[in-house]
């Protein structure tokens, strides 16, 4: 039983470490990527996954090892999962509509045709 407990702690520690590494990679993407749209993608996708892994690992540790279920952690998980991608999407659309230029090596612009159709109406 002691071995299983130690193995579980190790696995939860690895989940939290993996979430931290993904969050660090997201921060690196915010610095290195060339335009606001790619930066927004790095901030919303990988940072959301990283934070969710950290919160889920923490929640599971509290639940299994401290025998304490935290409603605050559950609400944090739900809140981050719902709001971060929506906020990133809205930031990208606001930047596009305000005229922020795409990166010069961008291959495809799907929103251009949709906005032309919307302006014709």
PDB file of N, CA and C in Angstrom:
ATOM      1  N   UNK A   1       0.822  -1.200   0.000  1.00  0.00           N
ATOM      2  CA  UNK A   1       0.000   0.000   0.000  1.00  0.00           C
ATOM      3  C   UNK A   1       0.864   1.261   0.000  1.00  0.00           C
ATOM      4  N   UNK A   2       1.972   1.207   0.732  1.00  0.00           N
ATOM      5  CA  UNK A   2       2.886   2.355   0.795  1.00  0.00           C
ATOM      6  C   UNK A   2       3.493   2.639  -0.587  1.00  0.00           C
ATOM      7  N   UNK A   3       3.816   1.573  -1.320  1.00  0.00           N
ATOM      8  CA  UNK A   3       4.404   1.733  -2.650  1.00  0.00           C
ATOM      9  C   UNK A   3       3.417   2.380  -3.609  1.00  0.00           C
ATOM     10  N   UNK A   4       2.146   1.978  -3.535  1.00  0.00           N
ATOM     11  CA  UNK A   4       1.119   2.564  -4.401  1.00  0.00           C
ATOM     12  C   UNK A   4       0.923   4.030  -4.063  1.00  0.00           C
ATOM     13  N   UNK A   5       0.965   4.361  -2.783  1.00  0.00           N
ATOM     14  CA  UNK A   5       0.821   5.741  -2.349  1.00  0.00           C
ATOM     15  C   UNK A   5       1.963   6.603  -2.884  1.00  0.00           C
ATOM     16  N   UNK A   6       3.164   6.108  -2.788  1.00  0.00           N
ATOM     17  CA  UNK A   6       4.336   6.851  -3.301  1.00  0.00           C
ATOM     18  C   UNK A   6       4.273   6.995  -4.820  1.00  0.00           C
ATOM     19  N   UNK A   7       3.834   5.938  -5.492  1.00  0.00           N
ATOM     20  CA  UNK A   7       3.702   5.995  -6.949  1.00  0.00           C
ATOM     21  C   UNK A   7       2.647   7.016  -7.365  1.00  0.00           C
ATOM     22  N   UNK A   8       1.536   7.050  -6.637  1.00  0.00           N
ATOM     23  CA  UNK A   8       0.490   8.036  -6.922  1.00  0.00           C
ATOM     24  C   UNK A   8       0.987   9.451  -6.718  1.00  0.00           C
ATOM     25  N   UNK A   9       1.737   9.687  -5.647  1.00  0.00           N
ATOM     26  CA  UNK A   9       2.314  11.013  -5.411  1.00  0.00           C
ATOM     27  C   UNK A   9       3.266  11.392  -6.528  1.00  0.00           C
ATOM     28  N   UNK A  10       4.053  10.431  -6.976  1.00  0.00           N
ATOM     29  CA  UNK A  10       4.995  10.684  -8.069  1.00  0.00           C
ATOM     30  C   UNK A  10       4.241  11.044  -9.353  1.00  0.00           C
ATOM     31  N   UNK A  11       3.183  10.301  -9.667  1.00  0.00           N
ATOM     32  CA  UNK A  11       2.412  10.589 -10.883  1.00  0.00           C
ATOM     33  C   UNK A  11       1.745  11.967 -10.812  1.00  0.00           C
ATOM     34  N   UNK A  12       1.179  12.299  -9.655  1.00  0.00           N
ATOM     35  CA  UNK A  12       0.561  13.619  -9.521  1.00  0.00           C
ATOM     36  C   UNK A  12       1.617  14.726  -9.589  1.00  0.00           C
ATOM     37  N   UNK A  13       2.784  14.469  -9.029  1.00  0.00           N
ATOM     38  CA  UNK A  13       3.880  15.427  -9.140  1.00  0.00           C
ATOM     39  C   UNK A  13       4.305  15.629 -10.589  1.00  0.00           C
ATOM     40  N   UNK A  14       4.307  14.533 -11.356  1.00  0.00           N
ATOM     41  CA  UNK A  14       4.655  14.641 -12.778  1.00  0.00           C
ATOM     42  C   UNK A  14       3.600  15.415 -13.560  1.00  0.00           C
ATOM     43  N   UNK A  15       2.323  15.235 -13.212  1.00  0.00           N
ATOM     44  CA  UNK A  15       1.248  15.998 -13.869  1.00  0.00           C
ATOM     45  C   UNK A  15       1.437  17.486 -13.597  1.00  0.00           C
ATOM     46  N   UNK A  16       1.728  17.827 -12.347  1.00  0.00           N
ATOM     47  CA  UNK A  16       1.935  19.235 -12.000  1.00  0.00           C
ATOM     48  C   UNK A  16       3.194  19.777 -12.670  1.00  0.00           C
ATOM     49  N   UNK A  17       4.251  18.985 -12.711  1.00  0.00           N
ATOM     50  CA  UNK A  17       5.486  19.409 -13.389  1.00  0.00           C
ATOM     51  C   UNK A  17       5.258  19.600 -14.877  1.00  0.00           C
ATOM     52  N   UNK A  18       4.522  18.689 -15.505  1.00  0.00           N
ATOM     53  CA  UNK A  18       4.215  18.807 -16.930  1.00  0.00           C
ATOM     54  C   UNK A  18       3.398  20.075 -17.196  1.00  0.00           C
ATOM     55  N   UNK A  19       2.433  20.371 -16.319  1.00  0.00           N
ATOM     56  CA  UNK A  19       1.664  21.607 -16.453  1.00  0.00           C
ATOM     57  C   UNK A  19       2.542  22.838 -16.328  1.00  0.00           C
ATOM     58  N   UNK A  20       3.516  22.787 -15.427  1.00  0.00           N
ATOM     59  CA  UNK A  20       4.444  23.911 -15.267  1.00  0.00           C
ATOM     60  C   UNK A  20       5.313  24.090 -16.509  1.00  0.00           C
ATOM     61  N   UNK A  21       5.764  22.984 -17.083  1.00  0.00           N
ATOM     62  CA  UNK A  21       6.587  23.066 -18.299  1.00  0.00           C
ATOM     63  C   UNK A  21       5.789  23.618 -19.477  1.00  0.00           C
ATOM     64  N   UNK A  22       4.545  23.211 -19.593  1.00  0.00           N
ATOM     65  CA  UNK A  22       3.704  23.737 -20.673  1.00  0.00           C
ATOM     66  C   UNK A  22       3.454  25.225 -20.476  1.00  0.00           C
ATOM     67  N   UNK A  23       3.245  25.656 -19.241  1.00  0.00           N
ATOM     68  CA  UNK A  23       3.058  27.076 -18.967  1.00  0.00           C
ATOM     69  C   UNK A  23       4.320  27.872 -19.294  1.00  0.00           C
ATOM     70  N   UNK A  24       5.487  27.314 -18.979  1.00  0.00           N
ATOM     71  CA  UNK A  24       6.745  27.978 -19.321  1.00  0.00           C
ATOM     72  C   UNK A  24       6.925  28.057 -20.833  1.00  0.00           C
ATOM     73  N   UNK A  25       6.550  27.010 -21.537  1.00  0.00           N
ATOM     74  CA  UNK A  25       6.618  27.021 -22.996  1.00  0.00           C
ATOM     75  C   UNK A  25       5.682  28.083 -23.571  1.00  0.00           C
ATOM     76  N   UNK A  26       4.541  28.247 -22.941  1.00  0.00           N
ATOM     77  CA  UNK A  26       3.596  29.288 -23.360  1.00  0.00           C
ATOM     78  C   UNK A  26       4.214  30.670 -23.186  1.00  0.00           C
ATOM     79  N   UNK A  27       4.888  30.899 -22.078  1.00  0.00           N
ATOM     80  CA  UNK A  27       5.548  32.192 -21.858  1.00  0.00           C
ATOM     81  C   UNK A  27       6.630  32.424 -22.907  1.00  0.00           C
ATOM     82  N   UNK A  28       7.359  31.385 -23.261  1.00  0.00           N
ATOM     83  CA  UNK A  28       8.375  31.493 -24.303  1.00  0.00           C
ATOM     84  C   UNK A  28       7.726  31.847 -25.646  1.00  0.00           C
ATOM     85  N   UNK A  29       6.552  31.241 -25.927  1.00  0.00           N
ATOM     86  CA  UNK A  29       5.830  31.551 -27.155  1.00  0.00           C
ATOM     87  C   UNK A  29       5.350  32.991 -27.194  1.00  0.00           C
ATOM     88  N   UNK A  30       4.963  33.532 -26.062  1.00  0.00           N
ATOM     89  CA  UNK A  30       4.534  34.932 -26.016  1.00  0.00           C
ATOM     90  C   UNK A  30       5.672  35.880 -26.366  1.00  0.00           C
ATOM     91  N   UNK A  31       6.875  35.487 -26.048  1.00  0.00           N
ATOM     92  CA  UNK A  31       8.030  36.336 -26.340  1.00  0.00           C
ATOM     93  C   UNK A  31       8.499  36.162 -27.777  1.00  0.00           C
ATOM     94  N   UNK A  32       8.528  34.942 -28.276  1.00  0.00           N
ATOM     95  CA  UNK A  32       9.171  34.646 -29.552  1.00  0.00           C
ATOM     96  C   UNK A  32       8.280  34.736 -30.788  1.00  0.00           C
ATOM     97  N   UNK A  33       6.972  34.559 -30.648  1.00  0.00           N
ATOM     98  CA  UNK A  33       6.120  34.517 -31.835  1.00  0.00           C
ATOM     99  C   UNK A  33       5.959  35.907 -32.444  1.00  0.00           C
ATOM    100  N   UNK A  34       5.782  35.985 -33.783  1.00  0.00           N
ATOM    101  CA  UNK A  34       5.914  37.259 -34.483  1.00  0.00           C
ATOM    102  C   UNK A  34       4.713  38.208 -34.448  1.00  0.00           C
ATOM    103  N   UNK A  35       3.493  37.734 -34.290  1.00  0.00           N
ATOM    104  CA  UNK A  35       2.370  38.675 -34.326  1.00  0.00           C
ATOM    105  C   UNK A  35       1.376  38.397 -33.210  1.00  0.00           C
ATOM    106  N   UNK A  36       0.421  39.298 -33.083  1.00  0.00           N
ATOM    107  CA  UNK A  36      -0.531  39.240 -31.969  1.00  0.00           C
ATOM    108  C   UNK A  36      -1.402  37.987 -32.037  1.00  0.00           C
ATOM    109  N   UNK A  37      -1.679  37.494 -33.214  1.00  0.00           N
ATOM    110  CA  UNK A  37      -2.556  36.341 -33.363  1.00  0.00           C
ATOM    111  C   UNK A  37      -1.867  35.054 -32.913  1.00  0.00           C
ATOM    112  N   UNK A  38      -0.625  34.887 -33.282  1.00  0.00           N
ATOM    113  CA  UNK A  38       0.133  33.712 -32.847  1.00  0.00           C
ATOM    114  C   UNK A  38       0.420  33.781 -31.346  1.00  0.00           C
ATOM    115  N   UNK A  39       0.678  34.966 -30.843  1.00  0.00           N
ATOM    116  CA  UNK A  39       0.889  35.123 -29.405  1.00  0.00           C
ATOM    117  C   UNK A  39      -0.378  34.798 -28.633  1.00  0.00           C
ATOM    118  N   UNK A  40      -1.500  35.231 -29.170  1.00  0.00           N
ATOM    119  CA  UNK A  40      -2.774  34.926 -28.522  1.00  0.00           C
ATOM    120  C   UNK A  40      -3.012  33.420 -28.497  1.00  0.00           C
ATOM    121  N   UNK A  41      -2.650  32.757 -29.563  1.00  0.00           N
ATOM    122  CA  UNK A  41      -2.780  31.308 -29.625  1.00  0.00           C
ATOM    123  C   UNK A  41      -1.914  30.637 -28.554  1.00  0.00           C
ATOM    124  N   UNK A  42      -0.673  31.109 -28.420  1.00  0.00           N
ATOM    125  CA  UNK A  42       0.217  30.541 -27.402  1.00  0.00           C
ATOM    126  C   UNK A  42      -0.325  30.800 -26.004  1.00  0.00           C
ATOM    127  N   UNK A  43      -0.860  31.973 -25.797  1.00  0.00           N
ATOM    128  CA  UNK A  43      -1.353  32.316 -24.463  1.00  0.00           C
ATOM    129  C   UNK A  43      -2.592  31.518 -24.092  1.00  0.00           C
ATOM    130  N   UNK A  44      -3.475  31.302 -25.042  1.00  0.00           N
ATOM    131  CA  UNK A  44      -4.733  30.648 -24.685  1.00  0.00           C
ATOM    132  C   UNK A  44      -4.624  29.130 -24.697  1.00  0.00           C
ATOM    133  N   UNK A  45      -4.029  28.556 -25.694  1.00  0.00           N
ATOM    134  CA  UNK A  45      -4.007  27.091 -25.791  1.00  0.00           C
ATOM    135  C   UNK A  45      -3.081  26.460 -24.759  1.00  0.00           C
ATOM    136  N   UNK A  46      -1.817  26.788 -24.822  1.00  0.00           N
ATOM    137  CA  UNK A  46      -0.870  26.100 -23.951  1.00  0.00           C
ATOM    138  C   UNK A  46      -0.941  26.572 -22.507  1.00  0.00           C
ATOM    139  N   UNK A  47      -1.190  27.849 -22.288  1.00  0.00           N
ATOM    140  CA  UNK A  47      -1.304  28.323 -20.909  1.00  0.00           C
ATOM    141  C   UNK A  47      -2.538  27.726 -20.240  1.00  0.00           C
ATOM    142  N   UNK A  48      -3.630  27.612 -20.980  1.00  0.00           N
ATOM    143  CA  UNK A  48      -4.831  27.000 -20.425  1.00  0.00           C
ATOM    144  C   UNK A  48      -4.567  25.540 -20.064  1.00  0.00           C
ATOM    145  N   UNK A  49      -3.932  24.804 -20.943  1.00  0.00           N
ATOM    146  CA  UNK A  49      -3.613  23.407 -20.654  1.00  0.00           C
ATOM    147  C   UNK A  49      -2.673  23.303 -19.460  1.00  0.00           C
ATOM    148  N   UNK A  50      -1.667  24.151 -19.407  1.00  0.00           N
ATOM    149  CA  UNK A  50      -0.730  24.120 -18.299  1.00  0.00           C
ATOM    150  C   UNK A  50      -1.389  24.409 -16.965  1.00  0.00           C
ATOM    151  N   UNK A  51      -2.207  25.442 -16.913  1.00  0.00           N
ATOM    152  CA  UNK A  51      -2.895  25.790 -15.670  1.00  0.00           C
ATOM    153  C   UNK A  51      -3.879  24.696 -15.278  1.00  0.00           C
ATOM    154  N   UNK A  52      -4.584  24.140 -16.257  1.00  0.00           N
ATOM    155  CA  UNK A  52      -5.525  23.066 -15.945  1.00  0.00           C
ATOM    156  C   UNK A  52      -4.811  21.836 -15.382  1.00  0.00           C
ATOM    157  N   UNK A  53      -3.668  21.475 -15.936  1.00  0.00           N
ATOM    158  CA  UNK A  53      -2.922  20.334 -15.410  1.00  0.00           C
ATOM    159  C   UNK A  53      -2.449  20.588 -13.982  1.00  0.00           C
ATOM    160  N   UNK A  54      -1.999  21.792 -13.713  1.00  0.00           N
ATOM    161  CA  UNK A  54      -1.561  22.127 -12.359  1.00  0.00           C
ATOM    162  C   UNK A  54      -2.736  22.063 -11.390  1.00  0.00           C
ATOM    163  N   UNK A  55      -3.864  22.649 -11.766  1.00  0.00           N
ATOM    164  CA  UNK A  55      -5.031  22.653 -10.878  1.00  0.00           C
ATOM    165  C   UNK A  55      -5.611  21.253 -10.681  1.00  0.00           C
ATOM    166  N   UNK A  56      -5.655  20.463 -11.737  1.00  0.00           N
ATOM    167  CA  UNK A  56      -6.179  19.097 -11.620  1.00  0.00           C
ATOM    168  C   UNK A  56      -5.253  18.242 -10.758  1.00  0.00           C
ATOM    169  N   UNK A  57      -3.946  18.368 -10.951  1.00  0.00           N
ATOM    170  CA  UNK A  57      -3.003  17.629 -10.118  1.00  0.00           C
ATOM    171  C   UNK A  57      -3.120  18.015  -8.651  1.00  0.00           C
ATOM    172  N   UNK A  58      -3.285  19.301  -8.397  1.00  0.00           N
ATOM    173  CA  UNK A  58      -3.456  19.770  -7.023  1.00  0.00           C
ATOM    174  C   UNK A  58      -4.762  19.259  -6.427  1.00  0.00           C
ATOM    175  N   UNK A  59      -5.839  19.324  -7.203  1.00  0.00           N
ATOM    176  CA  UNK A  59      -7.133  18.844  -6.720  1.00  0.00           C
ATOM    177  C   UNK A  59      -7.071  17.355  -6.376  1.00  0.00           C
ATOM    178  N   UNK A  60      -6.474  16.568  -7.266  1.00  0.00           N
ATOM    179  CA  UNK A  60      -6.381  15.129  -7.012  1.00  0.00           C
ATOM    180  C   UNK A  60      -5.496  14.816  -5.813  1.00  0.00           C
ATOM    181  N   UNK A  61      -4.426  15.575  -5.640  1.00  0.00           N
ATOM    182  CA  UNK A  61      -3.571  15.370  -4.474  1.00  0.00           C
ATOM    183  C   UNK A  61      -4.352  15.645  -3.188  1.00  0.00           C
ATOM    184  N   UNK A  62      -5.070  16.771  -3.153  1.00  0.00           N
ATOM    185  CA  UNK A  62      -5.871  17.085  -1.960  1.00  0.00           C
ATOM    186  C   UNK A  62      -6.930  16.017  -1.716  1.00  0.00           C
ATOM    187  N   UNK A  63      -7.554  15.549  -2.791  1.00  0.00           N
ATOM    188  CA  UNK A  63      -8.641  14.594  -2.632  1.00  0.00           C
ATOM    189  C   UNK A  63      -8.131  13.233  -2.133  1.00  0.00           C
ATOM    190  N   UNK A  64      -7.047  12.731  -2.719  1.00  0.00           N
ATOM    191  CA  UNK A  64      -6.588  11.386  -2.379  1.00  0.00           C
ATOM    192  C   UNK A  64      -5.669  11.333  -1.159  1.00  0.00           C
ATOM    193  N   UNK A  65      -4.848  12.335  -0.970  1.00  0.00           N
ATOM    194  CA  UNK A  65      -3.841  12.250   0.079  1.00  0.00           C
ATOM    195  C   UNK A  65      -4.183  13.071   1.318  1.00  0.00           C
ATOM    196  N   UNK A  66      -4.911  14.156   1.169  1.00  0.00           N
ATOM    197  CA  UNK A  66      -5.302  14.956   2.325  1.00  0.00           C
ATOM    198  C   UNK A  66      -6.776  14.773   2.664  1.00  0.00           C
ATOM    199  N   UNK A  67      -7.471  13.984   1.841  1.00  0.00           N
ATOM    200  CA  UNK A  67      -8.898  13.696   2.021  1.00  0.00           C
ATOM    201  C   UNK A  67      -9.713  14.972   2.198  1.00  0.00           C
ATOM    202  N   UNK A  68      -9.471  15.893   1.288  1.00  0.00           N
ATOM    203  CA  UNK A  68     -10.151  17.182   1.315  1.00  0.00           C
ATOM    204  C   UNK A  68     -10.523  17.548  -0.124  1.00  0.00           C
ATOM    205  N   UNK A  69     -11.803  17.687  -0.403  1.00  0.00           N
ATOM    206  CA  UNK A  69     -12.253  18.119  -1.730  1.00  0.00           C
ATOM    207  C   UNK A  69     -12.436  19.625  -1.709  1.00  0.00           C
ATOM    208  N   UNK A  70     -11.776  20.303  -2.604  1.00  0.00           N
ATOM    209  CA  UNK A  70     -11.805  21.758  -2.621  1.00  0.00           C
ATOM    210  C   UNK A  70     -12.739  22.259  -3.722  1.00  0.00           C
ATOM    211  N   UNK A  71     -13.813  22.902  -3.306  1.00  0.00           N
ATOM    212  CA  UNK A  71     -14.732  23.494  -4.274  1.00  0.00           C
ATOM    213  C   UNK A  71     -14.072  24.662  -4.992  1.00  0.00           C
ATOM    214  N   UNK A  72     -13.165  25.344  -4.322  1.00  0.00           N
ATOM    215  CA  UNK A  72     -12.467  26.472  -4.948  1.00  0.00           C
ATOM    216  C   UNK A  72     -11.604  26.000  -6.117  1.00  0.00           C
ATOM    217  N   UNK A  73     -10.930  24.872  -5.939  1.00  0.00           N
ATOM    218  CA  UNK A  73     -10.131  24.337  -7.050  1.00  0.00           C
ATOM    219  C   UNK A  73     -11.016  23.898  -8.205  1.00  0.00           C
ATOM    220  N   UNK A  74     -12.145  23.261  -7.895  1.00  0.00           N
ATOM    221  CA  UNK A  74     -13.068  22.863  -8.965  1.00  0.00           C
ATOM    222  C   UNK A  74     -13.596  24.072  -9.718  1.00  0.00           C
ATOM    223  N   UNK A  75     -13.969  25.119  -8.987  1.00  0.00           N
ATOM    224  CA  UNK A  75     -14.440  26.337  -9.643  1.00  0.00           C
ATOM    225  C   UNK A  75     -13.325  26.982 -10.467  1.00  0.00           C
ATOM    226  N   UNK A  76     -12.104  26.937  -9.953  1.00  0.00           N
ATOM    227  CA  UNK A  76     -10.969  27.464 -10.712  1.00  0.00           C
ATOM    228  C   UNK A  76     -10.751  26.707 -12.006  1.00  0.00           C
ATOM    229  N   UNK A  77     -10.866  25.389 -11.948  1.00  0.00           N
ATOM    230  CA  UNK A  77     -10.710  24.559 -13.148  1.00  0.00           C
ATOM    231  C   UNK A  77     -11.778  24.915 -14.179  1.00  0.00           C
ATOM    232  N   UNK A  78     -13.025  24.985 -13.749  1.00  0.00           N
ATOM    233  CA  UNK A  78     -14.129  25.313 -14.658  1.00  0.00           C
ATOM    234  C   UNK A  78     -13.966  26.723 -15.210  1.00  0.00           C
ATOM    235  N   UNK A  79     -13.622  27.666 -14.348  1.00  0.00           N
ATOM    236  CA  UNK A  79     -13.487  29.058 -14.771  1.00  0.00           C
ATOM    237  C   UNK A  79     -12.390  29.223 -15.817  1.00  0.00           C
ATOM    238  N   UNK A  80     -11.224  28.619 -15.571  1.00  0.00           N
ATOM    239  CA  UNK A  80     -10.109  28.720 -16.533  1.00  0.00           C
ATOM    240  C   UNK A  80     -10.472  28.023 -17.839  1.00  0.00           C
ATOM    241  N   UNK A  81     -11.094  26.855 -17.742  1.00  0.00           N
ATOM    242  CA  UNK A  81     -11.440  26.078 -18.938  1.00  0.00           C
ATOM    243  C   UNK A  81     -12.423  26.829 -19.821  1.00  0.00           C
ATOM    244  N   UNK A  82     -13.335  27.578 -19.236  1.00  0.00           N
ATOM    245  CA  UNK A  82     -14.355  28.283 -20.011  1.00  0.00           C
ATOM    246  C   UNK A  82     -13.867  29.650 -20.482  1.00  0.00           C
ATOM    247  N   UNK A  83     -13.238  30.416 -19.609  1.00  0.00           N
ATOM    248  CA  UNK A  83     -12.961  31.817 -19.933  1.00  0.00           C
ATOM    249  C   UNK A  83     -11.704  32.048 -20.760  1.00  0.00           C
ATOM    250  N   UNK A  84     -10.648  31.299 -20.545  1.00  0.00           N
ATOM    251  CA  UNK A  84      -9.388  31.581 -21.234  1.00  0.00           C
ATOM    252  C   UNK A  84      -9.493  31.434 -22.756  1.00  0.00           C
ATOM    253  N   UNK A  85     -10.049  30.350 -23.291  1.00  0.00           N
ATOM    254  CA  UNK A  85     -10.155  30.268 -24.749  1.00  0.00           C
ATOM    255  C   UNK A  85     -11.095  31.325 -25.350  1.00  0.00           C
ATOM    256  N   UNK A  86     -12.162  31.629 -24.650  1.00  0.00           N
ATOM    257  CA  UNK A  86     -13.101  32.647 -25.152  1.00  0.00           C
ATOM    258  C   UNK A  86     -12.428  34.010 -25.169  1.00  0.00           C
ATOM    259  N   UNK A  87     -11.701  34.332 -24.110  1.00  0.00           N
ATOM    260  CA  UNK A  87     -11.002  35.625 -24.062  1.00  0.00           C
ATOM    261  C   UNK A  87      -9.946  35.725 -25.158  1.00  0.00           C
ATOM    262  N   UNK A  88      -9.214  34.652 -25.403  1.00  0.00           N
ATOM    263  CA  UNK A  88      -8.223  34.664 -26.479  1.00  0.00           C
ATOM    264  C   UNK A  88      -8.859  34.850 -27.843  1.00  0.00           C
ATOM    265  N   UNK A  89      -9.984  34.197 -28.062  1.00  0.00           N
ATOM    266  CA  UNK A  89     -10.705  34.342 -29.328  1.00  0.00           C
ATOM    267  C   UNK A  89     -11.186  35.779 -29.507  1.00  0.00           C
ATOM    268  N   UNK A  90     -11.752  36.347 -28.465  1.00  0.00           N
ATOM    269  CA  UNK A  90     -12.250  37.722 -28.555  1.00  0.00           C
ATOM    270  C   UNK A  90     -11.118  38.721 -28.758  1.00  0.00           C
ATOM    271  N   UNK A  91      -9.976  38.488 -28.117  1.00  0.00           N
ATOM    272  CA  UNK A  91      -8.828  39.372 -28.332  1.00  0.00           C
ATOM    273  C   UNK A  91      -8.351  39.308 -29.784  1.00  0.00           C
ATOM    274  N   UNK A  92      -8.315  38.108 -30.352  1.00  0.00           N
ATOM    275  CA  UNK A  92      -7.903  37.961 -31.748  1.00  0.00           C
ATOM    276  C   UNK A  92      -8.863  38.643 -32.707  1.00  0.00           C
ATOM    277  N   UNK A  93     -10.164  38.479 -32.483  1.00  0.00           N
ATOM    278  CA  UNK A  93     -11.146  39.141 -33.356  1.00  0.00           C
ATOM    279  C   UNK A  93     -11.094  40.657 -33.220  1.00  0.00           C
ATOM    280  N   UNK A  94     -10.905  41.138 -31.996  1.00  0.00           N
ATOM    281  CA  UNK A  94     -10.810  42.587 -31.786  1.00  0.00           C
ATOM    282  C   UNK A  94      -9.569  43.144 -32.474  1.00  0.00           C
ATOM    283  N   UNK A  95      -8.461  42.419 -32.406  1.00  0.00           N
ATOM    284  CA  UNK A  95      -7.243  42.869 -33.080  1.00  0.00           C
ATOM    285  C   UNK A  95      -7.449  42.873 -34.590  1.00  0.00           C
ATOM    286  N   UNK A  96      -8.096  41.852 -35.123  1.00  0.00           N
ATOM    287  CA  UNK A  96      -8.323  41.777 -36.572  1.00  0.00           C
ATOM    288  C   UNK A  96      -9.237  42.908 -37.036  1.00  0.00           C
ATOM    289  N   UNK A  97     -10.319  43.129 -36.309  1.00  0.00           N
ATOM    290  CA  UNK A  97     -11.273  44.173 -36.706  1.00  0.00           C
ATOM    291  C   UNK A  97     -10.694  45.572 -36.547  1.00  0.00           C
ATOM    292  N   UNK A  98      -9.733  45.737 -35.660  1.00  0.00           N
ATOM    293  CA  UNK A  98      -9.127  47.059 -35.495  1.00  0.00           C
ATOM    294  C   UNK A  98      -7.980  47.290 -36.472  1.00  0.00           C
ATOM    295  N   UNK A  99      -7.675  46.292 -37.283  1.00  0.00           N
ATOM    296  CA  UNK A  99      -6.709  46.484 -38.353  1.00  0.00           C
ATOM    297  C   UNK A  99      -5.281  46.078 -38.037  1.00  0.00           C
ATOM    298  N   UNK A 100      -5.058  45.297 -37.009  1.00  0.00           N
ATOM    299  CA  UNK A 100      -3.711  44.820 -36.711  1.00  0.00           C
ATOM    300  C   UNK A 100      -3.293  43.859 -37.825  1.00  0.00           C
ATOM    301  N   UNK A 101      -2.139  44.139 -38.407  1.00  0.00           N
ATOM    302  CA  UNK A 101      -1.687  43.368 -39.569  1.00  0.00           C
ATOM    303  C   UNK A 101      -1.307  41.941 -39.184  1.00  0.00           C
ATOM    304  N   UNK A 102      -1.567  41.028 -40.119  1.00  0.00           N
ATOM    305  CA  UNK A 102      -1.120  39.648 -39.958  1.00  0.00           C
ATOM    306  C   UNK A 102       0.378  39.582 -40.213  1.00  0.00           C
ATOM    307  N   UNK A 103       0.998  38.523 -39.747  1.00  0.00           N
ATOM    308  CA  UNK A 103       2.403  38.271 -40.019  1.00  0.00           C
ATOM    309  C   UNK A 103       2.583  38.136 -41.523  1.00  0.00           C
ATOM    310  N   UNK A 104       3.674  38.657 -42.076  1.00  0.00           N
ATOM    311  CA  UNK A 104       3.858  38.671 -43.536  1.00  0.00           C
ATOM    312  C   UNK A 104       3.931  37.279 -44.143  1.00  0.00           C
ATOM    313  N   UNK A 105       4.236  36.256 -43.371  1.00  0.00           N
ATOM    314  CA  UNK A 105       4.301  34.901 -43.900  1.00  0.00           C
ATOM    315  C   UNK A 105       3.022  34.103 -43.645  1.00  0.00           C
ATOM    316  N   UNK A 106       1.958  34.783 -43.263  1.00  0.00           N
ATOM    317  CA  UNK A 106       0.682  34.111 -43.057  1.00  0.00           C
ATOM    318  C   UNK A 106       0.152  33.620 -44.397  1.00  0.00           C
ATOM    319  N   UNK A 107      -0.305  32.381 -44.432  1.00  0.00           N
ATOM    320  CA  UNK A 107      -0.730  31.757 -45.671  1.00  0.00           C
ATOM    321  C   UNK A 107      -2.228  31.911 -45.895  1.00  0.00           C
ATOM    322  N   UNK A 108      -3.015  31.835 -44.862  1.00  0.00           N
ATOM    323  CA  UNK A 108      -4.465  31.772 -45.017  1.00  0.00           C
ATOM    324  C   UNK A 108      -5.132  32.778 -44.085  1.00  0.00           C
ATOM    325  N   UNK A 109      -6.115  33.505 -44.610  1.00  0.00           N
ATOM    326  CA  UNK A 109      -6.874  34.476 -43.828  1.00  0.00           C
ATOM    327  C   UNK A 109      -8.356  34.141 -43.980  1.00  0.00           C
ATOM    328  N   UNK A 110      -8.872  33.319 -43.092  1.00  0.00           N
ATOM    329  CA  UNK A 110     -10.262  32.865 -43.179  1.00  0.00           C
ATOM    330  C   UNK A 110     -11.264  33.950 -42.811  1.00  0.00           C
ATOM    331  N   UNK A 111     -10.873  34.885 -42.008  1.00  0.00           N
ATOM    332  CA  UNK A 111     -11.815  35.894 -41.525  1.00  0.00           C
ATOM    333  C   UNK A 111     -12.090  36.987 -42.561  1.00  0.00           C
ATOM    334  N   UNK A 112     -11.203  37.155 -43.525  1.00  0.00           N
ATOM    335  CA  UNK A 112     -11.370  38.209 -44.529  1.00  0.00           C
ATOM    336  C   UNK A 112     -12.660  38.015 -45.333  1.00  0.00           C
ATOM    337  N   UNK A 113     -12.903  36.802 -45.806  1.00  0.00           N
ATOM    338  CA  UNK A 113     -14.118  36.539 -46.588  1.00  0.00           C
ATOM    339  C   UNK A 113     -15.373  36.664 -45.740  1.00  0.00           C
ATOM    340  N   UNK A 114     -15.319  36.231 -44.501  1.00  0.00           N
ATOM    341  CA  UNK A 114     -16.480  36.330 -43.618  1.00  0.00           C
ATOM    342  C   UNK A 114     -16.831  37.787 -43.342  1.00  0.00           C
ATOM    343  N   UNK A 115     -15.812  38.626 -43.168  1.00  0.00           N
ATOM    344  CA  UNK A 115     -16.091  40.045 -42.933  1.00  0.00           C
ATOM    345  C   UNK A 115     -16.619  40.730 -44.181  1.00  0.00           C
ATOM    346  N   UNK A 116     -16.164  40.324 -45.362  1.00  0.00           N
ATOM    347  CA  UNK A 116     -16.690  40.893 -46.598  1.00  0.00           C
ATOM    348  C   UNK A 116     -18.159  40.554 -46.752  1.00  0.00           C
ATOM    349  N   UNK A 117     -18.532  39.308 -46.457  1.00  0.00           N
ATOM    350  CA  UNK A 117     -19.947  38.919 -46.524  1.00  0.00           C
ATOM    351  C   UNK A 117     -20.772  39.706 -45.522  1.00  0.00           C
ATOM    352  N   UNK A 118     -20.236  39.918 -44.352  1.00  0.00           N
ATOM    353  CA  UNK A 118     -20.964  40.635 -43.303  1.00  0.00           C
ATOM    354  C   UNK A 118     -21.144  42.110 -43.700  1.00  0.00           C
ATOM    355  N   UNK A 119     -20.161  42.696 -44.330  1.00  0.00           N
ATOM    356  CA  UNK A 119     -20.246  44.106 -44.714  1.00  0.00           C
ATOM    357  C   UNK A 119     -21.216  44.321 -45.860  1.00  0.00           C
ATOM    358  N   UNK A 120     -21.425  43.304 -46.709  1.00  0.00           N
ATOM    359  CA  UNK A 120     -22.380  43.415 -47.818  1.00  0.00           C
ATOM    360  C   UNK A 120     -23.817  43.442 -47.341  1.00  0.00           C
ATOM    361  N   UNK A 121     -24.094  42.873 -46.196  1.00  0.00           N
ATOM    362  CA  UNK A 121     -25.483  42.775 -45.708  1.00  0.00           C
ATOM    363  C   UNK A 121     -26.022  44.082 -45.252  1.00  0.00           C
TER     364      UNK A 121
END
